[in-house]
Amino acid sequence: MELGGAFGQDHPMINPDDDLPKSAQKLLIPPPLDMLGIDELRSYIAVLETEIARVQAVIAAKDAHKAAAAAFFRT
């Protein structure tokens, strides 16, 4: 029984790095600020502040989950 050639020829290579979380630096690509006007810069700040609040909420939820798990496994 032949399996169809050498190992890996029939299937694309699996890269375990694809499953790793992406670096925070690669998540946001900042625009060139020198091309933006003052109102656009203020709007950009508002967008960033909204994103910061969203990230802080996720961090708080993860901290609460971690604390609940730690309390559950403490005996």
Foldseek 3Di string as FASTA:
>chain_A
DDPPDDPCPVPPDDDPCVPDDDDPVVPDDDDDVVVDDPVVVVVVVVVVVVVVVVVVVVVVVVVVVVVVVVVVPDD
